Amino acid sequence: MRLLVGIILGAVLTIIGVYIVDMGADGTEQRHMVNWDVVGARISDLTSGLKRSGPTSPVRSRAPPKPRLHRDF
């Protein structure tokens, strides 16, 4: 679990760092590391695609759990 949290935190910090560097570029230096317009469009496409492919109803029915016959030690 710690590994997963560390990976996610590292990715978020990297994105924030790149964004800060890009926004801090002065007027003479117009070269950005990331094209943020393209990133925004792709995230928008991704979220709209996930919304379309999601479940049609907010409540998903699940089968009841199977009874356990013995204990795992």
C-alpha atoms as a PDB file:
ATOM      1  CA  MET A   1       0.000   0.000   0.000  1.00  0.00           C
ATOM      2  CA  ARG A   2       2.844   2.368   0.807  1.00  0.00           C
ATOM      3  CA  LEU A   3       4.400   1.662  -2.566  1.00  0.00           C
ATOM      4  CA  LEU A   4       1.208   2.589  -4.404  1.00  0.00           C
ATOM      5  CA  VAL A   5       0.819   5.805  -2.391  1.00  0.00           C
ATOM      6  CA  GLY A   6       4.467   6.646  -3.069  1.00  0.00           C
ATOM      7  CA  ILE A   7       4.093   6.110  -6.806  1.00  0.00           C
ATOM      8  CA  ILE A   8       0.953   8.263  -6.975  1.00  0.00           C
ATOM      9  CA  LEU A   9       2.514  10.980  -4.812  1.00  0.00           C
ATOM     10  CA  GLY A  10       5.654  10.987  -6.962  1.00  0.00           C
ATOM     11  CA  ALA A  11       3.639  11.354 -10.168  1.00  0.00           C
ATOM     12  CA  VAL A  12       1.583  14.202  -8.719  1.00  0.00           C
ATOM     13  CA  LEU A  13       4.675  16.029  -7.449  1.00  0.00           C
ATOM     14  CA  THR A  14       6.373  15.613 -10.839  1.00  0.00           C
ATOM     15  CA  ILE A  15       3.388  17.067 -12.682  1.00  0.00           C
ATOM     16  CA  ILE A  16       3.139  19.964 -10.229  1.00  0.00           C
ATOM     17  CA  GLY A  17       6.864  20.664 -10.581  1.00  0.00           C
ATOM     18  CA  VAL A  18       6.723  20.724 -14.380  1.00  0.00           C
ATOM     19  CA  TYR A  19       3.670  22.986 -14.286  1.00  0.00           C
ATOM     20  CA  ILE A  20       5.430  25.445 -11.949  1.00  0.00           C
ATOM     21  CA  VAL A  21       8.529  25.518 -14.166  1.00  0.00           C
ATOM     22  CA  ASP A  22       6.398  26.073 -17.282  1.00  0.00           C
ATOM     23  CA  MET A  23       4.384  28.887 -15.738  1.00  0.00           C
ATOM     24  CA  GLY A  24       7.514  30.573 -14.380  1.00  0.00           C
ATOM     25  CA  ALA A  25       9.118  30.958 -17.821  1.00  0.00           C
ATOM     26  CA  ASP A  26       9.828  34.615 -18.608  1.00  0.00           C
ATOM     27  CA  GLY A  27       8.804  36.427 -21.790  1.00  0.00           C
ATOM     28  CA  THR A  28      12.042  35.701 -23.665  1.00  0.00           C
ATOM     29  CA  GLU A  29      11.836  31.969 -23.064  1.00  0.00           C
ATOM     30  CA  GLN A  30       8.596  30.741 -24.642  1.00  0.00           C
ATOM     31  CA  ARG A  31       9.575  27.089 -24.878  1.00  0.00           C
ATOM     32  CA  HIS A  32       7.457  25.009 -22.516  1.00  0.00           C
ATOM     33  CA  MET A  33       8.140  21.471 -21.366  1.00  0.00           C
ATOM     34  CA  VAL A  34       4.494  20.427 -21.796  1.00  0.00           C
ATOM     35  CA  ASN A  35       1.771  21.565 -24.197  1.00  0.00           C
ATOM     36  CA  TRP A  36      -0.933  22.092 -21.571  1.00  0.00           C
ATOM     37  CA  ASP A  37      -3.685  22.620 -24.164  1.00  0.00           C
ATOM     38  CA  VAL A  38      -3.130  19.101 -25.489  1.00  0.00           C
ATOM     39  CA  VAL A  39      -3.007  17.675 -21.956  1.00  0.00           C
ATOM     40  CA  GLY A  40      -6.311  19.366 -21.095  1.00  0.00           C
ATOM     41  CA  ALA A  41      -7.978  18.080 -24.257  1.00  0.00           C
ATOM     42  CA  ARG A  42      -6.795  14.512 -23.680  1.00  0.00           C
ATOM     43  CA  ILE A  43      -7.921  14.521 -20.038  1.00  0.00           C
ATOM     44  CA  SER A  44     -11.297  15.858 -21.151  1.00  0.00           C
ATOM     45  CA  ASP A  45     -11.572  13.087 -23.757  1.00  0.00           C
ATOM     46  CA  LEU A  46     -10.582  10.480 -21.176  1.00  0.00           C
ATOM     47  CA  THR A  47     -13.104  11.618 -18.564  1.00  0.00           C
ATOM     48  CA  SER A  48     -15.940  11.861 -21.089  1.00  0.00           C
ATOM     49  CA  GLY A  49     -15.098   8.379 -22.371  1.00  0.00           C
ATOM     50  CA  LEU A  50     -15.116   6.992 -18.838  1.00  0.00           C
ATOM     51  CA  LYS A  51     -18.465   8.633 -18.147  1.00  0.00           C
ATOM     52  CA  ARG A  52     -19.950   7.076 -21.295  1.00  0.00           C
ATOM     53  CA  SER A  53     -18.615   3.595 -20.549  1.00  0.00           C
ATOM     54  CA  GLY A  54     -19.603   3.664 -16.861  1.00  0.00           C
ATOM     55  CA  PRO A  55     -22.540   1.817 -15.358  1.00  0.00           C
ATOM     56  CA  THR A  56     -25.991   2.974 -16.422  1.00  0.00           C
ATOM     57  CA  SER A  57     -27.362   2.935 -12.882  1.00  0.00           C
ATOM     58  CA  PRO A  58     -25.617   4.307  -9.812  1.00  0.00           C
ATOM     59  CA  VAL A  59     -26.232   1.121  -7.786  1.00  0.00           C
ATOM     60  CA  ARG A  60     -24.604  -2.095  -8.945  1.00  0.00           C
ATOM     61  CA  SER A  61     -26.048  -5.354  -7.706  1.00  0.00           C
ATOM     62  CA  ARG A  62     -23.651  -7.958  -6.435  1.00  0.00           C
ATOM     63  CA  ALA A  63     -24.133 -11.613  -5.738  1.00  0.00           C
ATOM     64  CA  PRO A  64     -24.066 -12.551  -2.048  1.00  0.00           C
ATOM     65  CA  PRO A  65     -20.732 -13.903  -0.828  1.00  0.00           C
ATOM     66  CA  LYS A  66     -20.250 -17.647  -0.756  1.00  0.00           C
ATOM     67  CA  PRO A  67     -20.130 -19.212   2.710  1.00  0.00           C
ATOM     68  CA  ARG A  68     -16.684 -20.249   3.939  1.00  0.00           C
ATOM     69  CA  LEU A  69     -16.350 -23.899   4.808  1.00  0.00           C
ATOM     70  CA  HIS A  70     -13.139 -23.626   6.787  1.00  0.00           C
ATOM     71  CA  ARG A  71     -10.932 -20.985   8.314  1.00  0.00           C
ATOM     72  CA  ASP A  72      -7.697 -19.842   6.731  1.00  0.00           C
ATOM     73  CA  PHE A  73      -4.898 -19.802   9.280  1.00  0.00           C
END
